[in-house]
Amino acid sequence: MHFVGLDLAWGDKNQTGVAAVGADGRLLHVGVAQDDESIATVVTPYVADDCLVAIDAPLIVPNEAGARPCGQRSDWR
């Protein structure tokens, strides 16, 4: 059993965050993907058997910046 998390990017310019965790809680993968094909490539090994996939994909952000506060910081990278 695997657990996969996707934090989908807004548009084609940003990267999507991808993480996979095993049933024992061990982190198996953490990284980014740029498009649908690369997301599918990254998650394929983890979704072949029983899995749970969680997707963070907000459709709107009701603020002037157009980004969530965590995405507005420039000093964390």
N, C-alpha and C. Protein backbone atom coordinates (compact mmCIF):
# COMPACT_ATOMS: atom_id res chain seq x y z
N MET A 1 0.86 -1.19 0.00
CA MET A 1 0.00 0.00 0.00
C MET A 1 0.89 1.23 0.00
N HIS A 2 0.55 2.16 -0.86
CA HIS A 2 1.27 3.42 -0.93
C HIS A 2 0.29 4.58 -0.74
N PHE A 3 0.84 5.70 -0.32
CA PHE A 3 0.10 6.94 -0.18
C PHE A 3 0.81 7.98 -1.03
N VAL A 4 0.07 8.61 -1.94
CA VAL A 4 0.65 9.58 -2.86
C VAL A 4 -0.02 10.92 -2.64
N GLY A 5 0.77 11.98 -2.60
CA GLY A 5 0.23 13.32 -2.48
C GLY A 5 0.67 14.17 -3.65
N LEU A 6 -0.28 14.90 -4.22
CA LEU A 6 0.00 15.82 -5.32
C LEU A 6 -0.45 17.21 -4.94
N ASP A 7 0.42 18.18 -5.09
CA ASP A 7 0.07 19.58 -4.90
C ASP A 7 0.16 20.21 -6.28
N LEU A 8 -0.98 20.24 -6.98
CA LEU A 8 -0.99 20.66 -8.37
C LEU A 8 -0.61 22.13 -8.54
N ALA A 9 0.19 22.39 -9.56
CA ALA A 9 0.61 23.75 -9.88
C ALA A 9 -0.52 24.51 -10.54
N TRP A 10 -0.41 25.81 -10.53
CA TRP A 10 -1.37 26.66 -11.20
C TRP A 10 -0.79 27.01 -12.56
N GLY A 11 -1.25 26.38 -13.59
CA GLY A 11 -0.78 26.69 -14.94
C GLY A 11 0.44 25.88 -15.31
N ASP A 12 0.96 26.17 -16.49
CA ASP A 12 2.08 25.39 -17.03
C ASP A 12 3.45 25.88 -16.57
N LYS A 13 3.53 27.05 -15.97
CA LYS A 13 4.83 27.61 -15.59
C LYS A 13 5.33 27.08 -14.25
N ASN A 14 4.43 26.70 -13.37
CA ASN A 14 4.82 26.24 -12.03
C ASN A 14 4.94 24.73 -11.98
N GLN A 15 5.63 24.24 -10.97
CA GLN A 15 5.83 22.81 -10.82
C GLN A 15 4.83 22.23 -9.83
N THR A 16 4.46 20.98 -10.06
CA THR A 16 3.58 20.23 -9.18
C THR A 16 4.42 19.45 -8.19
N GLY A 17 4.08 19.54 -6.92
CA GLY A 17 4.78 18.76 -5.90
C GLY A 17 4.23 17.35 -5.83
N VAL A 18 5.14 16.38 -5.71
CA VAL A 18 4.76 14.97 -5.68
C VAL A 18 5.48 14.29 -4.52
N ALA A 19 4.73 13.53 -3.72
CA ALA A 19 5.33 12.75 -2.64
C ALA A 19 4.67 11.38 -2.59
N ALA A 20 5.47 10.39 -2.22
CA ALA A 20 4.95 9.03 -2.05
C ALA A 20 5.49 8.47 -0.74
N VAL A 21 4.61 7.83 0.02
CA VAL A 21 4.95 7.25 1.32
C VAL A 21 4.50 5.80 1.32
N GLY A 22 5.32 4.92 1.90
CA GLY A 22 4.97 3.52 2.00
C GLY A 22 4.05 3.26 3.18
N ALA A 23 3.51 2.06 3.25
CA ALA A 23 2.60 1.68 4.34
C ALA A 23 3.27 1.80 5.70
N ASP A 24 4.60 1.68 5.73
CA ASP A 24 5.34 1.78 6.99
C ASP A 24 5.66 3.22 7.38
N GLY A 25 5.19 4.19 6.57
CA GLY A 25 5.43 5.60 6.87
C GLY A 25 6.74 6.13 6.32
N ARG A 26 7.46 5.30 5.60
CA ARG A 26 8.76 5.71 5.04
C ARG A 26 8.54 6.54 3.77
N LEU A 27 9.22 7.68 3.68
CA LEU A 27 9.14 8.52 2.50
C LEU A 27 9.88 7.83 1.36
N LEU A 28 9.17 7.56 0.27
CA LEU A 28 9.75 6.86 -0.86
C LEU A 28 10.14 7.80 -1.99
N HIS A 29 9.43 8.90 -2.11
CA HIS A 29 9.73 9.86 -3.17
C HIS A 29 9.23 11.23 -2.77
N VAL A 30 10.02 12.23 -3.07
CA VAL A 30 9.59 13.62 -2.97
C VAL A 30 10.26 14.37 -4.11
N GLY A 31 9.46 15.13 -4.84
CA GLY A 31 10.01 15.85 -5.97
C GLY A 31 8.95 16.69 -6.64
N VAL A 32 9.26 17.10 -7.87
CA VAL A 32 8.35 17.94 -8.63
C VAL A 32 8.14 17.36 -10.02
N ALA A 33 7.05 17.75 -10.63
CA ALA A 33 6.73 17.37 -12.00
C ALA A 33 6.23 18.61 -12.72
N GLN A 34 6.43 18.65 -14.03
CA GLN A 34 6.10 19.87 -14.77
C GLN A 34 4.78 19.78 -15.53
N ASP A 35 4.38 18.58 -15.96
CA ASP A 35 3.17 18.45 -16.77
C ASP A 35 2.49 17.12 -16.47
N ASP A 36 1.34 16.88 -17.11
CA ASP A 36 0.57 15.66 -16.84
C ASP A 36 1.40 14.40 -17.09
N GLU A 37 2.16 14.38 -18.16
CA GLU A 37 2.96 13.20 -18.50
C GLU A 37 4.01 12.92 -17.44
N SER A 38 4.69 13.95 -16.96
CA SER A 38 5.71 13.73 -15.95
C SER A 38 5.09 13.35 -14.60
N ILE A 39 3.89 13.86 -14.30
CA ILE A 39 3.19 13.44 -13.07
C ILE A 39 2.89 11.94 -13.16
N ALA A 40 2.33 11.51 -14.29
CA ALA A 40 2.00 10.10 -14.48
C ALA A 40 3.24 9.22 -14.37
N THR A 41 4.34 9.65 -14.93
CA THR A 41 5.59 8.89 -14.88
C THR A 41 6.06 8.72 -13.44
N VAL A 42 6.00 9.79 -12.67
CA VAL A 42 6.47 9.74 -11.28
C VAL A 42 5.59 8.85 -10.42
N VAL A 43 4.27 8.93 -10.56
CA VAL A 43 3.39 8.20 -9.66
C VAL A 43 3.13 6.75 -10.07
N THR A 44 3.39 6.40 -11.31
CA THR A 44 3.08 5.05 -11.81
C THR A 44 3.60 3.93 -10.91
N PRO A 45 4.84 3.96 -10.44
CA PRO A 45 5.29 2.85 -9.59
C PRO A 45 4.53 2.71 -8.27
N TYR A 46 3.91 3.78 -7.82
CA TYR A 46 3.24 3.77 -6.52
C TYR A 46 1.75 3.51 -6.60
N VAL A 47 1.16 3.58 -7.78
CA VAL A 47 -0.28 3.39 -7.91
C VAL A 47 -0.64 2.08 -8.61
N ALA A 48 0.35 1.24 -8.86
CA ALA A 48 0.09 -0.03 -9.54
C ALA A 48 -0.73 -0.98 -8.67
N ASP A 49 -0.55 -0.92 -7.37
CA ASP A 49 -1.30 -1.76 -6.43
C ASP A 49 -2.19 -0.86 -5.58
N ASP A 50 -2.63 -1.37 -4.42
CA ASP A 50 -3.47 -0.56 -3.53
C ASP A 50 -2.76 0.74 -3.18
N CYS A 51 -3.51 1.83 -3.26
CA CYS A 51 -2.93 3.12 -2.94
C CYS A 51 -4.04 4.11 -2.58
N LEU A 52 -3.63 5.17 -1.95
CA LEU A 52 -4.51 6.29 -1.67
C LEU A 52 -3.81 7.52 -2.22
N VAL A 53 -4.51 8.29 -3.05
CA VAL A 53 -3.93 9.49 -3.65
C VAL A 53 -4.72 10.69 -3.16
N ALA A 54 -4.01 11.68 -2.62
CA ALA A 54 -4.62 12.93 -2.19
C ALA A 54 -4.12 14.04 -3.11
N ILE A 55 -5.05 14.88 -3.54
CA ILE A 55 -4.71 15.93 -4.50
C ILE A 55 -5.13 17.28 -3.94
N ASP A 56 -4.17 18.21 -3.88
CA ASP A 56 -4.45 19.59 -3.49
C ASP A 56 -4.51 20.40 -4.78
N ALA A 57 -5.71 20.82 -5.14
CA ALA A 57 -5.89 21.54 -6.41
C ALA A 57 -6.95 22.62 -6.25
N PRO A 58 -6.64 23.70 -5.52
CA PRO A 58 -7.62 24.76 -5.36
C PRO A 58 -7.97 25.39 -6.71
N LEU A 59 -9.23 25.67 -6.90
CA LEU A 59 -9.68 26.23 -8.17
C LEU A 59 -9.65 27.75 -8.19
N ILE A 60 -9.81 28.37 -7.03
CA ILE A 60 -9.76 29.82 -6.96
C ILE A 60 -8.99 30.24 -5.72
N VAL A 61 -8.41 31.41 -5.78
CA VAL A 61 -7.75 32.02 -4.63
C VAL A 61 -8.29 33.44 -4.53
N PRO A 62 -9.13 33.68 -3.54
CA PRO A 62 -9.81 34.98 -3.46
C PRO A 62 -8.94 36.07 -2.81
N ASN A 63 -7.80 36.38 -3.42
CA ASN A 63 -7.00 37.51 -2.94
C ASN A 63 -6.33 38.19 -4.13
N GLU A 64 -5.87 39.40 -3.92
CA GLU A 64 -5.30 40.18 -5.01
C GLU A 64 -4.02 39.60 -5.58
N ALA A 65 -3.24 38.92 -4.75
CA ALA A 65 -1.97 38.37 -5.21
C ALA A 65 -2.18 37.17 -6.13
N GLY A 66 -3.33 36.51 -6.02
CA GLY A 66 -3.59 35.34 -6.85
C GLY A 66 -2.81 34.12 -6.42
N ALA A 67 -2.30 34.13 -5.20
CA ALA A 67 -1.55 33.00 -4.67
C ALA A 67 -1.87 32.84 -3.19
N ARG A 68 -1.74 31.63 -2.71
CA ARG A 68 -1.90 31.41 -1.28
C ARG A 68 -0.71 32.02 -0.55
N PRO A 69 -0.86 32.42 0.71
CA PRO A 69 0.25 33.05 1.43
C PRO A 69 1.53 32.22 1.41
N CYS A 70 1.43 30.91 1.48
CA CYS A 70 2.64 30.08 1.48
C CYS A 70 3.36 30.15 0.14
N GLY A 71 2.65 30.48 -0.93
CA GLY A 71 3.28 30.56 -2.24
C GLY A 71 3.81 31.95 -2.57
N GLN A 72 3.62 32.90 -1.68
CA GLN A 72 4.05 34.27 -1.92
C GLN A 72 5.43 34.57 -1.36
N ARG A 73 5.95 33.71 -0.51
CA ARG A 73 7.24 33.97 0.12
C ARG A 73 8.36 33.81 -0.89
N SER A 74 9.28 34.69 -0.91
CA SER A 74 10.42 34.59 -1.82
C SER A 74 11.69 34.20 -1.10
N ASP A 75 11.68 34.15 0.23
CA ASP A 75 12.91 33.88 0.98
C ASP A 75 13.04 32.43 1.45
N TRP A 76 12.14 31.54 1.07
CA TRP A 76 12.17 30.16 1.58
C TRP A 76 12.89 29.20 0.66
N ARG A 77 13.21 29.57 -0.53
CA ARG A 77 13.85 28.65 -1.46
C ARG A 77 15.33 28.52 -1.24
